[in-house]
Amino acid sequence: MPEEKRSQLIKMDKDITILVEKFDTIAKALRTYIKENSKRIETVDEKMKSLDDRMSRIETTLNSINDYNAKIAKEIEDSSDLVTGGFYDLKSRVEDIELNILSSMKKFEKKIVDAMEKKKEEEK
């Protein structure tokens, strides 16, 4: 085999080896990137599940409050101003509780959305 051809083959072999090393480095970086993002997605999924659980408990509480409110409404006599006034005061308090619960839910949702947006920005 002529010397020139042999040196070309050796050069090509070195170039291929360098390319293989570069591709290996890129593949390792890509695997690491995918692994890190998988962990982030799992964290977001866990937070979403936690939010769903909290919302379920809040809905259950709201349903119980509404049922209790309905029972009280049935038992109140319309002729008694004192009892009727107490009912409306209780109803007002229940509405305040509902508003506080909804406000807390919105704040928690905003925290999760902000965290997700922050992670998206970090990924970029």
PDB file of N, CA and C in Angstrom:
ATOM      1  N   MET A   1       0.858  -1.168   0.000  1.00  0.00           N
ATOM      2  CA  MET A   1       0.000   0.000   0.000  1.00  0.00           C
ATOM      3  C   MET A   1       0.908   1.237   0.000  1.00  0.00           C
ATOM      4  N   PRO A   2       0.604   2.153  -0.876  1.00  0.00           N
ATOM      5  CA  PRO A   2       1.453   3.349  -0.937  1.00  0.00           C
ATOM      6  C   PRO A   2       1.381   4.137   0.376  1.00  0.00           C
ATOM      7  N   GLU A   3       2.478   4.787   0.665  1.00  0.00           N
ATOM      8  CA  GLU A   3       2.619   5.528   1.925  1.00  0.00           C
ATOM      9  C   GLU A   3       1.589   6.651   2.051  1.00  0.00           C
ATOM     10  N   GLU A   4       1.295   7.320   0.971  1.00  0.00           N
ATOM     11  CA  GLU A   4       0.331   8.426   0.985  1.00  0.00           C
ATOM     12  C   GLU A   4      -1.061   7.935   1.370  1.00  0.00           C
ATOM     13  N   LYS A   5      -1.457   6.816   0.789  1.00  0.00           N
ATOM     14  CA  LYS A   5      -2.775   6.246   1.088  1.00  0.00           C
ATOM     15  C   LYS A   5      -2.831   5.795   2.544  1.00  0.00           C
ATOM     16  N   ARG A   6      -1.741   5.225   3.002  1.00  0.00           N
ATOM     17  CA  ARG A   6      -1.676   4.749   4.385  1.00  0.00           C
ATOM     18  C   ARG A   6      -1.819   5.931   5.354  1.00  0.00           C
ATOM     19  N   SER A   7      -1.137   7.019   5.096  1.00  0.00           N
ATOM     20  CA  SER A   7      -1.217   8.188   5.972  1.00  0.00           C
ATOM     21  C   SER A   7      -2.620   8.806   5.945  1.00  0.00           C
ATOM     22  N   GLN A   8      -3.267   8.756   4.785  1.00  0.00           N
ATOM     23  CA  GLN A   8      -4.653   9.245   4.693  1.00  0.00           C
ATOM     24  C   GLN A   8      -5.582   8.382   5.545  1.00  0.00           C
ATOM     25  N   LEU A   9      -5.397   7.075   5.489  1.00  0.00           N
ATOM     26  CA  LEU A   9      -6.226   6.167   6.293  1.00  0.00           C
ATOM     27  C   LEU A   9      -5.995   6.389   7.787  1.00  0.00           C
ATOM     28  N   ILE A  10      -4.750   6.594   8.164  1.00  0.00           N
ATOM     29  CA  ILE A  10      -4.443   6.851   9.579  1.00  0.00           C
ATOM     30  C   ILE A  10      -5.099   8.159  10.024  1.00  0.00           C
ATOM     31  N   LYS A  11      -5.019   9.193   9.185  1.00  0.00           N
ATOM     32  CA  LYS A  11      -5.647  10.484   9.496  1.00  0.00           C
ATOM     33  C   LYS A  11      -7.161  10.325   9.616  1.00  0.00           C
ATOM     34  N   MET A  12      -7.758   9.575   8.676  1.00  0.00           N
ATOM     35  CA  MET A  12      -9.210   9.340   8.730  1.00  0.00           C
ATOM     36  C   MET A  12      -9.585   8.585  10.000  1.00  0.00           C
ATOM     37  N   ASP A  13      -8.763   7.614  10.388  1.00  0.00           N
ATOM     38  CA  ASP A  13      -9.021   6.849  11.607  1.00  0.00           C
ATOM     39  C   ASP A  13      -8.986   7.774  12.823  1.00  0.00           C
ATOM     40  N   LYS A  14      -8.018   8.683  12.883  1.00  0.00           N
ATOM     41  CA  LYS A  14      -7.930   9.634  13.994  1.00  0.00           C
ATOM     42  C   LYS A  14      -9.142  10.568  14.006  1.00  0.00           C
ATOM     43  N   ASP A  15      -9.522  11.044  12.820  1.00  0.00           N
ATOM     44  CA  ASP A  15     -10.697  11.917  12.723  1.00  0.00           C
ATOM     45  C   ASP A  15     -11.957  11.202  13.201  1.00  0.00           C
ATOM     46  N   ILE A  16     -12.094   9.942  12.791  1.00  0.00           N
ATOM     47  CA  ILE A  16     -13.262   9.156  13.215  1.00  0.00           C
ATOM     48  C   ILE A  16     -13.238   8.949  14.725  1.00  0.00           C
ATOM     49  N   THR A  17     -12.074   8.677  15.288  1.00  0.00           N
ATOM     50  CA  THR A  17     -11.948   8.497  16.738  1.00  0.00           C
ATOM     51  C   THR A  17     -12.357   9.777  17.472  1.00  0.00           C
ATOM     52  N   ILE A  18     -11.929  10.919  16.957  1.00  0.00           N
ATOM     53  CA  ILE A  18     -12.299  12.208  17.568  1.00  0.00           C
ATOM     54  C   ILE A  18     -13.812  12.418  17.489  1.00  0.00           C
ATOM     55  N   LEU A  19     -14.397  12.106  16.337  1.00  0.00           N
ATOM     56  CA  LEU A  19     -15.850  12.240  16.186  1.00  0.00           C
ATOM     57  C   LEU A  19     -16.598  11.319  17.145  1.00  0.00           C
ATOM     58  N   VAL A  20     -16.098  10.090  17.287  1.00  0.00           N
ATOM     59  CA  VAL A  20     -16.732   9.139  18.211  1.00  0.00           C
ATOM     60  C   VAL A  20     -16.686   9.686  19.631  1.00  0.00           C
ATOM     61  N   GLU A  21     -15.552  10.248  20.031  1.00  0.00           N
ATOM     62  CA  GLU A  21     -15.434  10.821  21.372  1.00  0.00           C
ATOM     63  C   GLU A  21     -16.399  11.994  21.555  1.00  0.00           C
ATOM     64  N   LYS A  22     -16.512  12.833  20.526  1.00  0.00           N
ATOM     65  CA  LYS A  22     -17.439  13.970  20.609  1.00  0.00           C
ATOM     66  C   LYS A  22     -18.885  13.494  20.711  1.00  0.00           C
ATOM     67  N   PHE A  23     -19.248  12.507  19.890  1.00  0.00           N
ATOM     68  CA  PHE A  23     -20.605  11.971  19.960  1.00  0.00           C
ATOM     69  C   PHE A  23     -20.871  11.328  21.316  1.00  0.00           C
ATOM     70  N   ASP A  24     -19.866  10.652  21.864  1.00  0.00           N
ATOM     71  CA  ASP A  24     -20.017  10.031  23.179  1.00  0.00           C
ATOM     72  C   ASP A  24     -20.245  11.102  24.245  1.00  0.00           C
ATOM     73  N   THR A  25     -19.496  12.193  24.165  1.00  0.00           N
ATOM     74  CA  THR A  25     -19.668  13.301  25.109  1.00  0.00           C
ATOM     75  C   THR A  25     -21.066  13.903  24.985  1.00  0.00           C
ATOM     76  N   ILE A  26     -21.502  14.104  23.747  1.00  0.00           N
ATOM     77  CA  ILE A  26     -22.847  14.652  23.517  1.00  0.00           C
ATOM     78  C   ILE A  26     -23.909  13.699  24.052  1.00  0.00           C
ATOM     79  N   ALA A  27     -23.727  12.399  23.818  1.00  0.00           N
ATOM     80  CA  ALA A  27     -24.703  11.410  24.300  1.00  0.00           C
ATOM     81  C   ALA A  27     -24.766  11.412  25.822  1.00  0.00           C
ATOM     82  N   LYS A  28     -23.604  11.500  26.481  1.00  0.00           N
ATOM     83  CA  LYS A  28     -23.583  11.544  27.948  1.00  0.00           C
ATOM     84  C   LYS A  28     -24.295  12.798  28.458  1.00  0.00           C
ATOM     85  N   ALA A  29     -24.020  13.933  27.817  1.00  0.00           N
ATOM     86  CA  ALA A  29     -24.670  15.185  28.223  1.00  0.00           C
ATOM     87  C   ALA A  29     -26.180  15.101  28.025  1.00  0.00           C
ATOM     88  N   LEU A  30     -26.590  14.508  26.924  1.00  0.00           N
ATOM     89  CA  LEU A  30     -28.021  14.363  26.647  1.00  0.00           C
ATOM     90  C   LEU A  30     -28.686  13.447  27.671  1.00  0.00           C
ATOM     91  N   ARG A  31     -28.019  12.343  28.026  1.00  0.00           N
ATOM     92  CA  ARG A  31     -28.568  11.436  29.047  1.00  0.00           C
ATOM     93  C   ARG A  31     -28.715  12.159  30.383  1.00  0.00           C
ATOM     94  N   THR A  32     -27.703  12.940  30.744  1.00  0.00           N
ATOM     95  CA  THR A  32     -27.754  13.702  31.996  1.00  0.00           C
ATOM     96  C   THR A  32     -28.895  14.716  31.960  1.00  0.00           C
ATOM     97  N   TYR A  33     -29.029  15.410  30.845  1.00  0.00           N
ATOM     98  CA  TYR A  33     -30.100  16.403  30.684  1.00  0.00           C
ATOM     99  C   TYR A  33     -31.468  15.747  30.829  1.00  0.00           C
ATOM    100  N   ILE A  34     -31.657  14.620  30.171  1.00  0.00           N
ATOM    101  CA  ILE A  34     -32.939  13.908  30.239  1.00  0.00           C
ATOM    102  C   ILE A  34     -33.206  13.437  31.666  1.00  0.00           C
ATOM    103  N   LYS A  35     -32.180  12.928  32.328  1.00  0.00           N
ATOM    104  CA  LYS A  35     -32.339  12.439  33.701  1.00  0.00           C
ATOM    105  C   LYS A  35     -32.735  13.581  34.641  1.00  0.00           C
ATOM    106  N   GLU A  36     -32.065  14.732  34.508  1.00  0.00           N
ATOM    107  CA  GLU A  36     -32.389  15.880  35.361  1.00  0.00           C
ATOM    108  C   GLU A  36     -33.803  16.381  35.105  1.00  0.00           C
ATOM    109  N   ASN A  37     -34.193  16.457  33.839  1.00  0.00           N
ATOM    110  CA  ASN A  37     -35.546  16.922  33.525  1.00  0.00           C
ATOM    111  C   ASN A  37     -36.593  15.930  33.997  1.00  0.00           C
ATOM    112  N   SER A  38     -36.279  14.642  33.951  1.00  0.00           N
ATOM    113  CA  SER A  38     -37.217  13.638  34.454  1.00  0.00           C
ATOM    114  C   SER A  38     -37.459  13.853  35.940  1.00  0.00           C
ATOM    115  N   LYS A  39     -36.388  14.160  36.675  1.00  0.00           N
ATOM    116  CA  LYS A  39     -36.535  14.418  38.110  1.00  0.00           C
ATOM    117  C   LYS A  39     -37.392  15.661  38.343  1.00  0.00           C
ATOM    118  N   ARG A  40     -37.173  16.696  37.531  1.00  0.00           N
ATOM    119  CA  ARG A  40     -37.969  17.921  37.676  1.00  0.00           C
ATOM    120  C   ARG A  40     -39.437  17.651  37.373  1.00  0.00           C
ATOM    121  N   ILE A  41     -39.685  16.879  36.342  1.00  0.00           N
ATOM    122  CA  ILE A  41     -41.066  16.552  35.982  1.00  0.00           C
ATOM    123  C   ILE A  41     -41.715  15.744  37.097  1.00  0.00           C
ATOM    124  N   GLU A  42     -40.958  14.800  37.694  1.00  0.00           N
ATOM    125  CA  GLU A  42     -41.496  14.026  38.814  1.00  0.00           C
ATOM    126  C   GLU A  42     -41.852  14.950  39.971  1.00  0.00           C
ATOM    127  N   THR A  43     -40.998  15.940  40.235  1.00  0.00           N
ATOM    128  CA  THR A  43     -41.268  16.890  41.315  1.00  0.00           C
ATOM    129  C   THR A  43     -42.544  17.676  41.031  1.00  0.00           C
ATOM    130  N   VAL A  44     -42.697  18.131  39.800  1.00  0.00           N
ATOM    131  CA  VAL A  44     -43.908  18.870  39.423  1.00  0.00           C
ATOM    132  C   VAL A  44     -45.128  17.963  39.538  1.00  0.00           C
ATOM    133  N   ASP A  45     -44.992  16.701  39.094  1.00  0.00           N
ATOM    134  CA  ASP A  45     -46.104  15.759  39.203  1.00  0.00           C
ATOM    135  C   ASP A  45     -46.500  15.543  40.659  1.00  0.00           C
ATOM    136  N   GLU A  46     -45.496  15.430  41.540  1.00  0.00           N
ATOM    137  CA  GLU A  46     -45.786  15.255  42.964  1.00  0.00           C
ATOM    138  C   GLU A  46     -46.510  16.483  43.521  1.00  0.00           C
ATOM    139  N   LYS A  47     -46.057  17.673  43.107  1.00  0.00           N
ATOM    140  CA  LYS A  47     -46.715  18.897  43.579  1.00  0.00           C
ATOM    141  C   LYS A  47     -48.143  18.987  43.055  1.00  0.00           C
ATOM    142  N   MET A  48     -48.347  18.586  41.807  1.00  0.00           N
ATOM    143  CA  MET A  48     -49.697  18.607  41.239  1.00  0.00           C
ATOM    144  C   MET A  48     -50.597  17.614  41.980  1.00  0.00           C
ATOM    145  N   LYS A  49     -50.051  16.429  42.317  1.00  0.00           N
ATOM    146  CA  LYS A  49     -50.836  15.444  43.060  1.00  0.00           C
ATOM    147  C   LYS A  49     -51.189  15.995  44.439  1.00  0.00           C
ATOM    148  N   SER A  50     -50.218  16.651  45.067  1.00  0.00           N
ATOM    149  CA  SER A  50     -50.467  17.263  46.368  1.00  0.00           C
ATOM    150  C   SER A  50     -51.555  18.327  46.261  1.00  0.00           C
ATOM    151  N   LEU A  51     -51.489  19.125  45.200  1.00  0.00           N
ATOM    152  CA  LEU A  51     -52.512  20.150  44.975  1.00  0.00           C
ATOM    153  C   LEU A  51     -53.879  19.511  44.752  1.00  0.00           C
ATOM    154  N   ASP A  52     -53.929  18.442  43.960  1.00  0.00           N
ATOM    155  CA  ASP A  52     -55.193  17.740  43.736  1.00  0.00           C
ATOM    156  C   ASP A  52     -55.751  17.187  45.043  1.00  0.00           C
ATOM    157  N   ASP A  53     -54.868  16.613  45.880  1.00  0.00           N
ATOM    158  CA  ASP A  53     -55.304  16.085  47.175  1.00  0.00           C
ATOM    159  C   ASP A  53     -55.866  17.200  48.053  1.00  0.00           C
ATOM    160  N   ARG A  54     -55.163  18.329  48.083  1.00  0.00           N
ATOM    161  CA  ARG A  54     -55.636  19.457  48.888  1.00  0.00           C
ATOM    162  C   ARG A  54     -56.982  19.965  48.389  1.00  0.00           C
ATOM    163  N   MET A  55     -57.100  20.073  47.069  1.00  0.00           N
ATOM    164  CA  MET A  55     -58.362  20.555  46.495  1.00  0.00           C
ATOM    165  C   MET A  55     -59.493  19.583  46.812  1.00  0.00           C
ATOM    166  N   SER A  56     -59.202  18.290  46.773  1.00  0.00           N
ATOM    167  CA  SER A  56     -60.216  17.289  47.097  1.00  0.00           C
ATOM    168  C   SER A  56     -60.669  17.447  48.552  1.00  0.00           C
ATOM    169  N   ARG A  57     -59.700  17.623  49.454  1.00  0.00           N
ATOM    170  CA  ARG A  57     -60.053  17.809  50.869  1.00  0.00           C
ATOM    171  C   ARG A  57     -60.856  19.100  51.063  1.00  0.00           C
ATOM    172  N   ILE A  58     -60.466  20.143  50.354  1.00  0.00           N
ATOM    173  CA  ILE A  58     -61.184  21.423  50.461  1.00  0.00           C
ATOM    174  C   ILE A  58     -62.604  21.279  49.933  1.00  0.00           C
ATOM    175  N   GLU A  59     -62.755  20.582  48.804  1.00  0.00           N
ATOM    176  CA  GLU A  59     -64.100  20.357  48.255  1.00  0.00           C
ATOM    177  C   GLU A  59     -64.950  19.555  49.229  1.00  0.00           C
ATOM    178  N   THR A  60     -64.355  18.544  49.853  1.00  0.00           N
ATOM    179  CA  THR A  60     -65.084  17.749  50.843  1.00  0.00           C
ATOM    180  C   THR A  60     -65.521  18.635  52.007  1.00  0.00           C
ATOM    181  N   THR A  61     -64.614  19.487  52.471  1.00  0.00           N
ATOM    182  CA  THR A  61     -64.939  20.403  53.567  1.00  0.00           C
ATOM    183  C   THR A  61     -66.044  21.370  53.157  1.00  0.00           C
ATOM    184  N   LEU A  62     -65.934  21.910  51.945  1.00  0.00           N
ATOM    185  CA  LEU A  62     -66.971  22.829  51.467  1.00  0.00           C
ATOM    186  C   LEU A  62     -68.328  22.137  51.367  1.00  0.00           C
ATOM    187  N   ASN A  63     -68.330  20.903  50.884  1.00  0.00           N
ATOM    188  CA  ASN A  63     -69.589  20.152  50.802  1.00  0.00           C
ATOM    189  C   ASN A  63     -70.177  19.923  52.186  1.00  0.00           C
ATOM    190  N   SER A  64     -69.312  19.593  53.152  1.00  0.00           N
ATOM    191  CA  SER A  64     -69.790  19.404  54.527  1.00  0.00           C
ATOM    192  C   SER A  64     -70.364  20.702  55.081  1.00  0.00           C
ATOM    193  N   ILE A  65     -69.673  21.799  54.813  1.00  0.00           N
ATOM    194  CA  ILE A  65     -70.158  23.103  55.283  1.00  0.00           C
ATOM    195  C   ILE A  65     -71.500  23.433  54.638  1.00  0.00           C
ATOM    196  N   ASN A  66     -71.601  23.194  53.339  1.00  0.00           N
ATOM    197  CA  ASN A  66     -72.866  23.470  52.648  1.00  0.00           C
ATOM    198  C   ASN A  66     -73.995  22.586  53.172  1.00  0.00           C
ATOM    199  N   ASP A  67     -73.699  21.305  53.438  1.00  0.00           N
ATOM    200  CA  ASP A  67     -74.715  20.412  54.011  1.00  0.00           C
ATOM    201  C   ASP A  67     -75.151  20.911  55.387  1.00  0.00           C
ATOM    202  N   TYR A  68     -74.163  21.284  56.204  1.00  0.00           N
ATOM    203  CA  TYR A  68     -74.468  21.794  57.534  1.00  0.00           C
ATOM    204  C   TYR A  68     -75.271  23.084  57.439  1.00  0.00           C
ATOM    205  N   ASN A  69     -74.886  23.929  56.510  1.00  0.00           N
ATOM    206  CA  ASN A  69     -75.589  25.184  56.278  1.00  0.00           C
ATOM    207  C   ASN A  69     -77.044  24.918  55.884  1.00  0.00           C
ATOM    208  N   ALA A  70     -77.249  23.928  55.023  1.00  0.00           N
ATOM    209  CA  ALA A  70     -78.610  23.574  54.597  1.00  0.00           C
ATOM    210  C   ALA A  70     -79.429  23.048  55.777  1.00  0.00           C
ATOM    211  N   LYS A  71     -78.806  22.232  56.639  1.00  0.00           N
ATOM    212  CA  LYS A  71     -79.513  21.721  57.824  1.00  0.00           C
ATOM    213  C   LYS A  71     -79.936  22.875  58.730  1.00  0.00           C
ATOM    214  N   ILE A  72     -79.019  23.802  58.931  1.00  0.00           N
ATOM    215  CA  ILE A  72     -79.331  24.951  59.783  1.00  0.00           C
ATOM    216  C   ILE A  72     -80.464  25.766  59.177  1.00  0.00           C
ATOM    217  N   ALA A  73     -80.422  25.949  57.863  1.00  0.00           N
ATOM    218  CA  ALA A  73     -81.461  26.734  57.193  1.00  0.00           C
ATOM    219  C   ALA A  73     -82.835  26.102  57.386  1.00  0.00           C
ATOM    220  N   LYS A  74     -82.891  24.772  57.376  1.00  0.00           N
ATOM    221  CA  LYS A  74     -84.176  24.084  57.559  1.00  0.00           C
ATOM    222  C   LYS A  74     -84.696  24.234  58.980  1.00  0.00           C
ATOM    223  N   GLU A  75     -83.768  24.302  59.938  1.00  0.00           N
ATOM    224  CA  GLU A  75     -84.172  24.323  61.344  1.00  0.00           C
ATOM    225  C   GLU A  75     -84.520  25.725  61.863  1.00  0.00           C
ATOM    226  N   ILE A  76     -84.122  26.722  61.133  1.00  0.00           N
ATOM    227  CA  ILE A  76     -84.348  28.095  61.609  1.00  0.00           C
ATOM    228  C   ILE A  76     -85.807  28.501  61.380  1.00  0.00           C
ATOM    229  N   GLU A  77     -86.357  29.130  62.365  1.00  0.00           N
ATOM    230  CA  GLU A  77     -87.725  29.629  62.227  1.00  0.00           C
ATOM    231  C   GLU A  77     -87.672  31.053  61.691  1.00  0.00           C
ATOM    232  N   ASP A  78     -88.482  31.302  60.674  1.00  0.00           N
ATOM    233  CA  ASP A  78     -88.492  32.624  60.052  1.00  0.00           C
ATOM    234  C   ASP A  78     -89.036  33.695  60.995  1.00  0.00           C
ATOM    235  N   SER A  79     -89.835  33.319  61.980  1.00  0.00           N
ATOM    236  CA  SER A  79     -90.469  34.305  62.853  1.00  0.00           C
ATOM    237  C   SER A  79     -89.507  34.919  63.861  1.00  0.00           C
ATOM    238  N   SER A  80     -88.402  34.279  64.131  1.00  0.00           N
ATOM    239  CA  SER A  80     -87.481  34.783  65.155  1.00  0.00           C
ATOM    240  C   SER A  80     -86.365  35.591  64.504  1.00  0.00           C
ATOM    241  N   ASP A  81     -86.355  36.881  64.768  1.00  0.00           N
ATOM    242  CA  ASP A  81     -85.312  37.752  64.218  1.00  0.00           C
ATOM    243  C   ASP A  81     -83.935  37.366  64.742  1.00  0.00           C
ATOM    244  N   LEU A  82     -83.886  36.989  66.007  1.00  0.00           N
ATOM    245  CA  LEU A  82     -82.607  36.635  66.614  1.00  0.00           C
ATOM    246  C   LEU A  82     -82.005  35.414  65.928  1.00  0.00           C
ATOM    247  N   VAL A  83     -82.833  34.385  65.755  1.00  0.00           N
ATOM    248  CA  VAL A  83     -82.348  33.157  65.120  1.00  0.00           C
ATOM    249  C   VAL A  83     -82.007  33.431  63.665  1.00  0.00           C
ATOM    250  N   THR A  84     -82.880  34.171  62.982  1.00  0.00           N
ATOM    251  CA  THR A  84     -82.630  34.486  61.572  1.00  0.00           C
ATOM    252  C   THR A  84     -81.355  35.307  61.430  1.00  0.00           C
ATOM    253  N   GLY A  85     -81.187  36.283  62.318  1.00  0.00           N
ATOM    254  CA  GLY A  85     -79.958  37.085  62.287  1.00  0.00           C
ATOM    255  C   GLY A  85     -78.726  36.224  62.518  1.00  0.00           C
ATOM    256  N   GLY A  86     -78.842  35.274  63.464  1.00  0.00           N
ATOM    257  CA  GLY A  86     -77.726  34.349  63.717  1.00  0.00           C
ATOM    258  C   GLY A  86     -77.405  33.503  62.503  1.00  0.00           C
ATOM    259  N   PHE A  87     -78.461  33.072  61.807  1.00  0.00           N
ATOM    260  CA  PHE A  87     -78.257  32.267  60.595  1.00  0.00           C
ATOM    261  C   PHE A  87     -77.490  33.060  59.551  1.00  0.00           C
ATOM    262  N   TYR A  88     -77.917  34.307  59.335  1.00  0.00           N
ATOM    263  CA  TYR A  88     -77.240  35.113  58.320  1.00  0.00           C
ATOM    264  C   TYR A  88     -75.806  35.441  58.730  1.00  0.00           C
ATOM    265  N   ASP A  89     -75.587  35.606  60.049  1.00  0.00           N
ATOM    266  CA  ASP A  89     -74.225  35.817  60.529  1.00  0.00           C
ATOM    267  C   ASP A  89     -73.372  34.571  60.259  1.00  0.00           C
ATOM    268  N   LEU A  90     -73.934  33.393  60.543  1.00  0.00           N
ATOM    269  CA  LEU A  90     -73.221  32.140  60.281  1.00  0.00           C
ATOM    270  C   LEU A  90     -72.976  31.969  58.786  1.00  0.00           C
ATOM    271  N   LYS A  91     -74.011  32.278  57.999  1.00  0.00           N
ATOM    272  CA  LYS A  91     -73.867  32.164  56.545  1.00  0.00           C
ATOM    273  C   LYS A  91     -72.757  33.093  56.055  1.00  0.00           C
ATOM    274  N   SER A  92     -72.700  34.291  56.599  1.00  0.00           N
ATOM    275  CA  SER A  92     -71.654  35.245  56.229  1.00  0.00           C
ATOM    276  C   SER A  92     -70.279  34.702  56.604  1.00  0.00           C
ATOM    277  N   ARG A  93     -70.178  34.102  57.781  1.00  0.00           N
ATOM    278  CA  ARG A  93     -68.902  33.515  58.208  1.00  0.00           C
ATOM    279  C   ARG A  93     -68.502  32.357  57.304  1.00  0.00           C
ATOM    280  N   VAL A  94     -69.466  31.519  56.946  1.00  0.00           N
ATOM    281  CA  VAL A  94     -69.185  30.396  56.046  1.00  0.00           C
ATOM    282  C   VAL A  94     -68.698  30.917  54.696  1.00  0.00           C
ATOM    283  N   GLU A  95     -69.330  31.963  54.200  1.00  0.00           N
ATOM    284  CA  GLU A  95     -68.893  32.553  52.924  1.00  0.00           C
ATOM    285  C   GLU A  95     -67.474  33.101  53.042  1.00  0.00           C
ATOM    286  N   ASP A  96     -67.161  33.724  54.203  1.00  0.00           N
ATOM    287  CA  ASP A  96     -65.797  34.211  54.420  1.00  0.00           C
ATOM    288  C   ASP A  96     -64.799  33.054  54.420  1.00  0.00           C
ATOM    289  N   ILE A  97     -65.180  31.951  55.070  1.00  0.00           N
ATOM    290  CA  ILE A  97     -64.310  30.764  55.093  1.00  0.00           C
ATOM    291  C   ILE A  97     -64.102  30.244  53.679  1.00  0.00           C
ATOM    292  N   GLU A  98     -65.186  30.174  52.908  1.00  0.00           N
ATOM    293  CA  GLU A  98     -65.073  29.707  51.517  1.00  0.00           C
ATOM    294  C   GLU A  98     -64.142  30.612  50.717  1.00  0.00           C
ATOM    295  N   LEU A  99     -64.273  31.923  50.892  1.00  0.00           N
ATOM    296  CA  LEU A  99     -63.397  32.863  50.179  1.00  0.00           C
ATOM    297  C   LEU A  99     -61.940  32.685  50.589  1.00  0.00           C
ATOM    298  N   ASN A 100     -61.713  32.479  51.899  1.00  0.00           N
ATOM    299  CA  ASN A 100     -60.343  32.258  52.376  1.00  0.00           C
ATOM    300  C   ASN A 100     -59.757  30.980  51.792  1.00  0.00           C
ATOM    301  N   ILE A 101     -60.559  29.928  51.731  1.00  0.00           N
ATOM    302  CA  ILE A 101     -60.095  28.654  51.162  1.00  0.00           C
ATOM    303  C   ILE A 101     -59.768  28.833  49.686  1.00  0.00           C
ATOM    304  N   LEU A 102     -60.656  29.487  48.946  1.00  0.00           N
ATOM    305  CA  LEU A 102     -60.404  29.714  47.518  1.00  0.00           C
ATOM    306  C   LEU A 102     -59.169  30.584  47.304  1.00  0.00           C
ATOM    307  N   SER A 103     -58.999  31.590  48.152  1.00  0.00           N
ATOM    308  CA  SER A 103     -57.821  32.455  48.050  1.00  0.00           C
ATOM    309  C   SER A 103     -56.543  31.658  48.297  1.00  0.00           C
ATOM    310  N   SER A 104     -56.569  30.788  49.301  1.00  0.00           N
ATOM    311  CA  SER A 104     -55.407  29.944  49.590  1.00  0.00           C
ATOM    312  C   SER A 104     -55.103  29.019  48.429  1.00  0.00           C
ATOM    313  N   MET A 105     -56.159  28.458  47.821  1.00  0.00           N
ATOM    314  CA  MET A 105     -55.964  27.570  46.670  1.00  0.00           C
ATOM    315  C   MET A 105     -55.302  28.329  45.526  1.00  0.00           C
ATOM    316  N   LYS A 106     -55.770  29.548  45.266  1.00  0.00           N
ATOM    317  CA  LYS A 106     -55.200  30.346  44.170  1.00  0.00           C
ATOM    318  C   LYS A 106     -53.733  30.668  44.438  1.00  0.00           C
ATOM    319  N   LYS A 107     -53.406  31.006  45.697  1.00  0.00           N
ATOM    320  CA  LYS A 107     -52.015  31.306  46.037  1.00  0.00           C
ATOM    321  C   LYS A 107     -51.138  30.076  45.826  1.00  0.00           C
ATOM    322  N   PHE A 108     -51.623  28.905  46.254  1.00  0.00           N
ATOM    323  CA  PHE A 108     -50.853  27.670  46.101  1.00  0.00           C
ATOM    324  C   PHE A 108     -50.671  27.344  44.627  1.00  0.00           C
ATOM    325  N   GLU A 109     -51.734  27.506  43.828  1.00  0.00           N
ATOM    326  CA  GLU A 109     -51.629  27.259  42.384  1.00  0.00           C
ATOM    327  C   GLU A 109     -50.617  28.213  41.760  1.00  0.00           C
ATOM    328  N   LYS A 110     -50.637  29.476  42.184  1.00  0.00           N
ATOM    329  CA  LYS A 110     -49.699  30.465  41.634  1.00  0.00           C
ATOM    330  C   LYS A 110     -48.268  30.080  41.972  1.00  0.00           C
ATOM    331  N   LYS A 111     -48.039  29.592  43.196  1.00  0.00           N
ATOM    332  CA  LYS A 111     -46.693  29.167  43.570  1.00  0.00           C
ATOM    333  C   LYS A 111     -46.207  28.052  42.658  1.00  0.00           C
ATOM    334  N   ILE A 112     -47.077  27.095  42.386  1.00  0.00           N
ATOM    335  CA  ILE A 112     -46.690  25.973  41.525  1.00  0.00           C
ATOM    336  C   ILE A 112     -46.429  26.458  40.106  1.00  0.00           C
ATOM    337  N   VAL A 113     -47.308  27.309  39.597  1.00  0.00           N
ATOM    338  CA  VAL A 113     -47.125  27.833  38.231  1.00  0.00           C
ATOM    339  C   VAL A 113     -45.831  28.635  38.152  1.00  0.00           C
ATOM    340  N   ASP A 114     -45.567  29.463  39.173  1.00  0.00           N
ATOM    341  CA  ASP A 114     -44.331  30.250  39.180  1.00  0.00           C
ATOM    342  C   ASP A 114     -43.108  29.343  39.222  1.00  0.00           C
ATOM    343  N   ALA A 115     -43.177  28.275  40.027  1.00  0.00           N
ATOM    344  CA  ALA A 115     -42.059  27.332  40.109  1.00  0.00           C
ATOM    345  C   ALA A 115     -41.832  26.644  38.774  1.00  0.00           C
ATOM    346  N   MET A 116     -42.921  26.270  38.104  1.00  0.00           N
ATOM    347  CA  MET A 116     -42.792  25.612  36.798  1.00  0.00           C
ATOM    348  C   MET A 116     -42.188  26.572  35.776  1.00  0.00           C
ATOM    349  N   GLU A 117     -42.632  27.840  35.788  1.00  0.00           N
ATOM    350  CA  GLU A 117     -42.093  28.826  34.849  1.00  0.00           C
ATOM    351  C   GLU A 117     -40.618  29.091  35.134  1.00  0.00           C
ATOM    352  N   LYS A 118     -40.264  29.134  36.405  1.00  0.00           N
ATOM    353  CA  LYS A 118     -38.875  29.356  36.785  1.00  0.00           C
ATOM    354  C   LYS A 118     -37.998  28.214  36.291  1.00  0.00           C
ATOM    355  N   LYS A 119     -38.476  26.991  36.427  1.00  0.00           N
ATOM    356  CA  LYS A 119     -37.713  25.832  35.959  1.00  0.00           C
ATOM    357  C   LYS A 119     -37.589  25.841  34.448  1.00  0.00           C
ATOM    358  N   LYS A 120     -38.648  26.279  33.758  1.00  0.00           N
ATOM    359  CA  LYS A 120     -38.572  26.375  32.295  1.00  0.00           C
ATOM    360  C   LYS A 120     -37.520  27.393  31.890  1.00  0.00           C
ATOM    361  N   GLU A 121     -37.480  28.527  32.604  1.00  0.00           N
ATOM    362  CA  GLU A 121     -36.487  29.549  32.296  1.00  0.00           C
ATOM    363  C   GLU A 121     -35.079  29.045  32.588  1.00  0.00           C
ATOM    364  N   GLU A 122     -34.920  28.291  33.672  1.00  0.00           N
ATOM    365  CA  GLU A 122     -33.613  27.733  34.004  1.00  0.00           C
ATOM    366  C   GLU A 122     -33.156  26.736  32.951  1.00  0.00           C
ATOM    367  N   GLU A 123     -34.092  26.009  32.391  1.00  0.00           N
ATOM    368  CA  GLU A 123     -33.749  25.020  31.372  1.00  0.00           C
ATOM    369  C   GLU A 123     -33.251  25.686  30.104  1.00  0.00           C
ATOM    370  N   LYS A 124     -33.783  26.875  29.819  1.00  0.00           N
ATOM    371  CA  LYS A 124     -33.360  27.591  28.613  1.00  0.00           C
ATOM    372  C   LYS A 124     -31.953  28.089  28.815  1.00  0.00           C
TER     373      LYS A 124
END
